[in-house]
Amino acid sequence: MSDSRKPASIEPADLQKLLQKQDPLIIDMRSLEEFQAGHVKGALHIPIDQLESHIAELPSDRTIVPYCNMFHPGQSRGEKARDQLQAFGLDAQVLQGGFPAWRDADLPTETDPE
């Protein structure tokens, strides 16, 4: 196991580049309503209050990128999720600026009407 730590966050453009080279797992930590209104294309939806019950199901061999709306930097849902995932030994980086930054960068999004 390497001791070199990756940054705690990743910029939207860097995540887009990572998606072209690797297969990170992107997790939307927001409410179902927020997720359905629009999310990062291909993101898995796990609300922050359900994360702990799903950690055992998450892959340990992929970078995990949780995100939220980042309305409360320093205590956002995405940052709390990253910290929780890292505490379980998983490689996690929060999406810097959250979904608004991803959307504002005109990166791929999708909606889920169900």
C-alpha atoms as a PDB file:
ATOM      1  CA  MET A   1       0.000   0.000   0.000  1.00  0.00           C
ATOM      2  CA  SER A   2       1.388   3.355  -1.021  1.00  0.00           C
ATOM      3  CA  ASP A   3       1.622   6.212   1.435  1.00  0.00           C
ATOM      4  CA  SER A   4       1.229   8.880  -1.257  1.00  0.00           C
ATOM      5  CA  ARG A   5      -2.073  10.615  -0.676  1.00  0.00           C
ATOM      6  CA  LYS A   6      -4.180  12.068  -3.450  1.00  0.00           C
ATOM      7  CA  PRO A   7      -5.672  15.542  -3.088  1.00  0.00           C
ATOM      8  CA  ALA A   8      -8.825  15.762  -0.997  1.00  0.00           C
ATOM      9  CA  SER A   9     -10.730  17.360  -3.868  1.00  0.00           C
ATOM     10  CA  ILE A  10     -10.836  17.292  -7.650  1.00  0.00           C
ATOM     11  CA  GLU A  11     -11.803  20.083 -10.046  1.00  0.00           C
ATOM     12  CA  PRO A  12     -14.638  19.406 -12.534  1.00  0.00           C
ATOM     13  CA  ALA A  13     -12.329  19.563 -15.583  1.00  0.00           C
ATOM     14  CA  ASP A  14      -9.870  17.174 -13.916  1.00  0.00           C
ATOM     15  CA  LEU A  15     -12.678  14.734 -13.127  1.00  0.00           C
ATOM     16  CA  GLN A  16     -13.778  14.868 -16.762  1.00  0.00           C
ATOM     17  CA  LYS A  17     -10.199  13.973 -17.799  1.00  0.00           C
ATOM     18  CA  LEU A  18     -10.096  11.170 -15.206  1.00  0.00           C
ATOM     19  CA  LEU A  19     -13.328   9.751 -16.637  1.00  0.00           C
ATOM     20  CA  GLN A  20     -11.594   9.399 -20.010  1.00  0.00           C
ATOM     21  CA  LYS A  21      -8.683   7.406 -18.522  1.00  0.00           C
ATOM     22  CA  GLN A  22     -10.134   5.523 -15.553  1.00  0.00           C
ATOM     23  CA  ASP A  23     -13.467   4.506 -14.134  1.00  0.00           C
ATOM     24  CA  PRO A  24     -14.054   6.559 -10.989  1.00  0.00           C
ATOM     25  CA  LEU A  25     -17.284   6.009  -9.088  1.00  0.00           C
ATOM     26  CA  ILE A  26     -19.186   9.290  -8.855  1.00  0.00           C
ATOM     27  CA  ILE A  27     -21.753   9.488  -6.059  1.00  0.00           C
ATOM     28  CA  ASP A  28     -24.424  12.170  -5.715  1.00  0.00           C
ATOM     29  CA  MET A  29     -24.967  12.769  -1.998  1.00  0.00           C
ATOM     30  CA  ARG A  30     -27.950  15.090  -2.441  1.00  0.00           C
ATOM     31  CA  SER A  31     -31.644  14.443  -1.902  1.00  0.00           C
ATOM     32  CA  LEU A  32     -33.650  12.377  -4.388  1.00  0.00           C
ATOM     33  CA  GLU A  33     -35.383  15.525  -5.624  1.00  0.00           C
ATOM     34  CA  GLU A  34     -32.053  17.268  -6.274  1.00  0.00           C
ATOM     35  CA  PHE A  35     -30.700  14.164  -8.018  1.00  0.00           C
ATOM     36  CA  GLN A  36     -33.752  13.814 -10.249  1.00  0.00           C
ATOM     37  CA  ALA A  37     -33.573  17.486 -11.252  1.00  0.00           C
ATOM     38  CA  GLY A  38     -30.078  16.982 -12.661  1.00  0.00           C
ATOM     39  CA  HIS A  39     -26.846  15.193 -11.822  1.00  0.00           C
ATOM     40  CA  VAL A  40     -23.423  14.288 -13.176  1.00  0.00           C
ATOM     41  CA  LYS A  41     -23.945  11.834 -16.019  1.00  0.00           C
ATOM     42  CA  GLY A  42     -23.546   8.272 -14.744  1.00  0.00           C
ATOM     43  CA  ALA A  43     -23.560   9.232 -11.056  1.00  0.00           C
ATOM     44  CA  LEU A  44     -24.857   6.809  -8.453  1.00  0.00           C
ATOM     45  CA  HIS A  45     -27.337   8.275  -5.969  1.00  0.00           C
ATOM     46  CA  ILE A  46     -26.675   7.590  -2.285  1.00  0.00           C
ATOM     47  CA  PRO A  47     -27.995  10.275   0.078  1.00  0.00           C
ATOM     48  CA  ILE A  48     -25.475  11.227   2.760  1.00  0.00           C
ATOM     49  CA  ASP A  49     -27.611   9.749   5.534  1.00  0.00           C
ATOM     50  CA  GLN A  50     -27.489   6.338   3.806  1.00  0.00           C
ATOM     51  CA  LEU A  51     -23.783   6.260   2.947  1.00  0.00           C
ATOM     52  CA  GLU A  52     -22.576   4.250   5.923  1.00  0.00           C
ATOM     53  CA  SER A  53     -24.965   1.390   5.146  1.00  0.00           C
ATOM     54  CA  HIS A  54     -23.583   1.212   1.576  1.00  0.00           C
ATOM     55  CA  ILE A  55     -19.840   1.527   2.243  1.00  0.00           C
ATOM     56  CA  ALA A  56     -19.235  -2.240   2.227  1.00  0.00           C
ATOM     57  CA  GLU A  57     -20.734  -2.396  -1.298  1.00  0.00           C
ATOM     58  CA  LEU A  58     -18.389   0.256  -2.727  1.00  0.00           C
ATOM     59  CA  PRO A  59     -15.322  -0.790  -4.717  1.00  0.00           C
ATOM     60  CA  SER A  60     -11.950  -0.470  -3.010  1.00  0.00           C
ATOM     61  CA  ASP A  61     -10.086  -0.439  -6.326  1.00  0.00           C
ATOM     62  CA  ARG A  62     -11.632   2.734  -7.795  1.00  0.00           C
ATOM     63  CA  THR A  63     -11.440   6.411  -6.944  1.00  0.00           C
ATOM     64  CA  ILE A  64     -14.751   7.521  -5.435  1.00  0.00           C
ATOM     65  CA  VAL A  65     -15.912  11.085  -6.057  1.00  0.00           C
ATOM     66  CA  PRO A  66     -18.848  12.187  -3.888  1.00  0.00           C
ATOM     67  CA  TYR A  67     -20.506  15.533  -4.526  1.00  0.00           C
ATOM     68  CA  CYS A  68     -23.353  17.754  -3.403  1.00  0.00           C
ATOM     69  CA  ASN A  69     -24.262  21.391  -4.131  1.00  0.00           C
ATOM     70  CA  MET A  70     -21.347  22.633  -2.007  1.00  0.00           C
ATOM     71  CA  PHE A  71     -23.485  25.351  -0.427  1.00  0.00           C
ATOM     72  CA  HIS A  72     -21.568  24.976   2.862  1.00  0.00           C
ATOM     73  CA  PRO A  73     -17.868  24.530   2.000  1.00  0.00           C
ATOM     74  CA  GLY A  74     -15.992  22.941   4.867  1.00  0.00           C
ATOM     75  CA  GLN A  75     -19.076  21.113   6.113  1.00  0.00           C
ATOM     76  CA  SER A  76     -20.868  20.072   2.927  1.00  0.00           C
ATOM     77  CA  ARG A  77     -22.438  16.666   2.317  1.00  0.00           C
ATOM     78  CA  GLY A  78     -19.796  15.862  -0.290  1.00  0.00           C
ATOM     79  CA  GLU A  79     -16.931  16.681   2.065  1.00  0.00           C
ATOM     80  CA  LYS A  80     -18.508  14.688   4.906  1.00  0.00           C
ATOM     81  CA  ALA A  81     -18.900  11.738   2.529  1.00  0.00           C
ATOM     82  CA  ARG A  82     -15.269  12.005   1.388  1.00  0.00           C
ATOM     83  CA  ASP A  83     -14.103  12.019   5.006  1.00  0.00           C
ATOM     84  CA  GLN A  84     -16.287   9.023   5.837  1.00  0.00           C
ATOM     85  CA  LEU A  85     -15.054   7.078   2.786  1.00  0.00           C
ATOM     86  CA  GLN A  86     -11.415   7.872   3.557  1.00  0.00           C
ATOM     87  CA  ALA A  87     -11.935   6.746   7.164  1.00  0.00           C
ATOM     88  CA  PHE A  88     -12.887   3.338   5.735  1.00  0.00           C
ATOM     89  CA  GLY A  89      -9.667   3.283   3.718  1.00  0.00           C
ATOM     90  CA  LEU A  90     -11.236   4.143   0.362  1.00  0.00           C
ATOM     91  CA  ASP A  91      -9.682   6.487  -2.216  1.00  0.00           C
ATOM     92  CA  ALA A  92     -12.092   9.437  -2.195  1.00  0.00           C
ATOM     93  CA  GLN A  93     -11.915  12.996  -3.512  1.00  0.00           C
ATOM     94  CA  VAL A  94     -14.808  15.457  -3.312  1.00  0.00           C
ATOM     95  CA  LEU A  95     -15.877  17.296  -6.471  1.00  0.00           C
ATOM     96  CA  GLN A  96     -14.663  20.867  -5.929  1.00  0.00           C
ATOM     97  CA  GLY A  97     -17.610  23.265  -6.248  1.00  0.00           C
ATOM     98  CA  GLY A  98     -20.075  20.372  -6.354  1.00  0.00           C
ATOM     99  CA  PHE A  99     -22.778  19.952  -8.956  1.00  0.00           C
ATOM    100  CA  PRO A 100     -23.107  23.696  -9.657  1.00  0.00           C
ATOM    101  CA  ALA A 101     -19.435  23.871 -10.712  1.00  0.00           C
ATOM    102  CA  TRP A 102     -19.836  20.755 -12.905  1.00  0.00           C
ATOM    103  CA  ARG A 103     -22.953  22.177 -14.565  1.00  0.00           C
ATOM    104  CA  ASP A 104     -21.413  25.654 -14.983  1.00  0.00           C
ATOM    105  CA  ALA A 105     -18.434  24.053 -16.757  1.00  0.00           C
ATOM    106  CA  ASP A 106     -20.914  22.607 -19.308  1.00  0.00           C
ATOM    107  CA  LEU A 107     -19.886  19.045 -18.469  1.00  0.00           C
ATOM    108  CA  PRO A 108     -22.254  16.097 -19.090  1.00  0.00           C
ATOM    109  CA  THR A 109     -25.387  15.997 -16.939  1.00  0.00           C
ATOM    110  CA  GLU A 110     -28.601  14.023 -17.017  1.00  0.00           C
ATOM    111  CA  THR A 111     -31.988  14.084 -15.320  1.00  0.00           C
ATOM    112  CA  ASP A 112     -33.967  11.232 -13.829  1.00  0.00           C
ATOM    113  CA  PRO A 113     -37.729  11.819 -14.004  1.00  0.00           C
ATOM    114  CA  GLU A 114     -38.582   8.744 -11.903  1.00  0.00           C
END
